[in-house]
Amino acid sequence: GKEAYDDIKRYQKDKEANSANYDKLTDSGDLIKVSSANIRVGDIIRVKANERIPADLVLLKTHEETGSIFIRTDLLDGETDWKLRRAVVY
């Protein structure tokens, strides 16, 4: 019944999220499109404003002067509230 319906909807949402494309920085400095299902540990991914966060990421840089952004992680952990994140200071 309801649980099966919820499972199907979750599967469809996961499949859609895994097929979304993101910009990946290559060793030569070029940006190529890669699906979120193919993002690997160590990849440098450019996330644009209003894009979903495709995986657990370390924020390296933002265009905001404060180095801070607000993100939603509902696809990762189910939480729908906005979270403040700061870029790594280097």
C-alpha atoms as a PDB file:
ATOM      1  CA  GLY A   1       0.000   0.000   0.000  1.00  0.00           C
ATOM      2  CA  LYS A   2       1.335   3.332   1.179  1.00  0.00           C
ATOM      3  CA  GLU A   3       4.866   2.069   1.950  1.00  0.00           C
ATOM      4  CA  ALA A   4       5.249   0.571  -1.525  1.00  0.00           C
ATOM      5  CA  TYR A   5       4.045   3.827  -3.079  1.00  0.00           C
ATOM      6  CA  ASP A   6       6.557   5.810  -0.971  1.00  0.00           C
ATOM      7  CA  ASP A   7       9.357   3.406  -1.973  1.00  0.00           C
ATOM      8  CA  ILE A   8       8.536   3.846  -5.668  1.00  0.00           C
ATOM      9  CA  LYS A   9       8.472   7.643  -5.344  1.00  0.00           C
ATOM     10  CA  ARG A  10      11.809   7.607  -3.470  1.00  0.00           C
ATOM     11  CA  TYR A  11      13.328   5.366  -6.164  1.00  0.00           C
ATOM     12  CA  GLN A  12      12.125   7.726  -8.904  1.00  0.00           C
ATOM     13  CA  LYS A  13      13.503  10.772  -7.070  1.00  0.00           C
ATOM     14  CA  ASP A  14      16.863   9.024  -6.508  1.00  0.00           C
ATOM     15  CA  LYS A  15      17.078   8.015 -10.177  1.00  0.00           C
ATOM     16  CA  GLU A  16      16.376  11.593 -11.261  1.00  0.00           C
ATOM     17  CA  ALA A  17      18.980  12.969  -8.833  1.00  0.00           C
ATOM     18  CA  ASN A  18      21.621  10.442  -9.949  1.00  0.00           C
ATOM     19  CA  SER A  19      21.215  11.406 -13.596  1.00  0.00           C
ATOM     20  CA  ALA A  20      21.626  15.167 -13.031  1.00  0.00           C
ATOM     21  CA  ASN A  21      24.738  16.631 -14.682  1.00  0.00           C
ATOM     22  CA  TYR A  22      27.357  18.774 -12.957  1.00  0.00           C
ATOM     23  CA  ASP A  23      30.556  20.505 -14.033  1.00  0.00           C
ATOM     24  CA  LYS A  24      33.719  18.610 -13.064  1.00  0.00           C
ATOM     25  CA  LEU A  25      37.160  20.219 -13.214  1.00  0.00           C
ATOM     26  CA  THR A  26      39.664  18.029 -15.069  1.00  0.00           C
ATOM     27  CA  ASP A  27      43.411  17.813 -14.452  1.00  0.00           C
ATOM     28  CA  SER A  28      43.952  20.029 -17.510  1.00  0.00           C
ATOM     29  CA  GLY A  29      41.668  22.750 -16.087  1.00  0.00           C
ATOM     30  CA  ASP A  30      38.718  22.100 -18.379  1.00  0.00           C
ATOM     31  CA  LEU A  31      35.152  21.664 -17.173  1.00  0.00           C
ATOM     32  CA  ILE A  32      33.302  18.561 -18.358  1.00  0.00           C
ATOM     33  CA  LYS A  33      29.771  17.376 -17.651  1.00  0.00           C
ATOM     34  CA  VAL A  34      29.471  14.374 -15.352  1.00  0.00           C
ATOM     35  CA  SER A  35      26.344  12.767 -13.923  1.00  0.00           C
ATOM     36  CA  SER A  36      26.054  12.826 -10.161  1.00  0.00           C
ATOM     37  CA  ALA A  37      26.120   9.008 -10.194  1.00  0.00           C
ATOM     38  CA  ASN A  38      29.660   9.214 -11.609  1.00  0.00           C
ATOM     39  CA  ILE A  39      31.081  11.717  -9.110  1.00  0.00           C
ATOM     40  CA  ARG A  40      34.000  10.132  -7.250  1.00  0.00           C
ATOM     41  CA  VAL A  41      36.009  10.978  -4.145  1.00  0.00           C
ATOM     42  CA  GLY A  42      38.530  13.698  -5.014  1.00  0.00           C
ATOM     43  CA  ASP A  43      36.528  15.185  -7.911  1.00  0.00           C
ATOM     44  CA  ILE A  44      36.276  18.969  -7.961  1.00  0.00           C
ATOM     45  CA  ILE A  45      32.688  19.878  -8.797  1.00  0.00           C
ATOM     46  CA  ARG A  46      31.351  23.350  -9.603  1.00  0.00           C
ATOM     47  CA  VAL A  47      27.927  23.859  -8.070  1.00  0.00           C
ATOM     48  CA  LYS A  48      25.987  26.866  -9.314  1.00  0.00           C
ATOM     49  CA  ALA A  49      23.363  28.916  -7.497  1.00  0.00           C
ATOM     50  CA  ASN A  50      20.113  27.004  -6.978  1.00  0.00           C
ATOM     51  CA  GLU A  51      21.651  23.653  -8.019  1.00  0.00           C
ATOM     52  CA  ARG A  52      21.197  20.620  -5.817  1.00  0.00           C
ATOM     53  CA  ILE A  53      24.245  19.473  -3.869  1.00  0.00           C
ATOM     54  CA  PRO A  54      25.028  16.146  -5.589  1.00  0.00           C
ATOM     55  CA  ALA A  55      27.136  14.520  -2.848  1.00  0.00           C
ATOM     56  CA  ASP A  56      29.005  15.207   0.357  1.00  0.00           C
ATOM     57  CA  LEU A  57      31.297  18.060  -0.693  1.00  0.00           C
ATOM     58  CA  VAL A  58      33.990  20.245   0.819  1.00  0.00           C
ATOM     59  CA  LEU A  59      33.249  23.860  -0.069  1.00  0.00           C
ATOM     60  CA  LEU A  60      36.465  25.303  -1.503  1.00  0.00           C
ATOM     61  CA  LYS A  61      35.278  28.690  -2.746  1.00  0.00           C
ATOM     62  CA  THR A  62      32.212  30.854  -3.130  1.00  0.00           C
ATOM     63  CA  HIS A  63      31.611  34.192  -4.831  1.00  0.00           C
ATOM     64  CA  GLU A  64      30.255  35.587  -1.571  1.00  0.00           C
ATOM     65  CA  GLU A  65      32.685  37.907   0.229  1.00  0.00           C
ATOM     66  CA  THR A  66      32.019  36.162   3.539  1.00  0.00           C
ATOM     67  CA  GLY A  67      32.845  32.753   2.038  1.00  0.00           C
ATOM     68  CA  SER A  68      29.471  31.488   3.247  1.00  0.00           C
ATOM     69  CA  ILE A  69      26.500  29.937   1.494  1.00  0.00           C
ATOM     70  CA  PHE A  70      23.182  28.414   2.500  1.00  0.00           C
ATOM     71  CA  ILE A  71      22.406  24.926   1.227  1.00  0.00           C
ATOM     72  CA  ARG A  72      19.640  22.358   1.484  1.00  0.00           C
ATOM     73  CA  THR A  73      20.645  18.714   1.899  1.00  0.00           C
ATOM     74  CA  ASP A  74      17.246  17.069   1.578  1.00  0.00           C
ATOM     75  CA  LEU A  75      18.452  14.612  -1.076  1.00  0.00           C
ATOM     76  CA  LEU A  76      21.318  13.502   1.159  1.00  0.00           C
ATOM     77  CA  ASP A  77      19.774  13.365   4.609  1.00  0.00           C
ATOM     78  CA  GLY A  78      16.082  14.191   4.222  1.00  0.00           C
ATOM     79  CA  GLU A  79      16.382  17.488   6.128  1.00  0.00           C
ATOM     80  CA  THR A  80      14.690  20.370   4.334  1.00  0.00           C
ATOM     81  CA  ASP A  81      15.963  23.297   6.389  1.00  0.00           C
ATOM     82  CA  TRP A  82      18.664  25.652   5.076  1.00  0.00           C
ATOM     83  CA  LYS A  83      22.175  25.109   6.458  1.00  0.00           C
ATOM     84  CA  LEU A  84      24.976  27.661   6.607  1.00  0.00           C
ATOM     85  CA  ARG A  85      28.289  26.431   5.197  1.00  0.00           C
ATOM     86  CA  ARG A  86      31.626  28.249   4.958  1.00  0.00           C
ATOM     87  CA  ALA A  87      34.394  27.773   2.431  1.00  0.00           C
ATOM     88  CA  VAL A  88      37.689  26.269   3.540  1.00  0.00           C
ATOM     89  CA  VAL A  89      40.137  28.991   4.613  1.00  0.00           C
ATOM     90  CA  TYR A  90      43.499  28.612   2.916  1.00  0.00           C
END
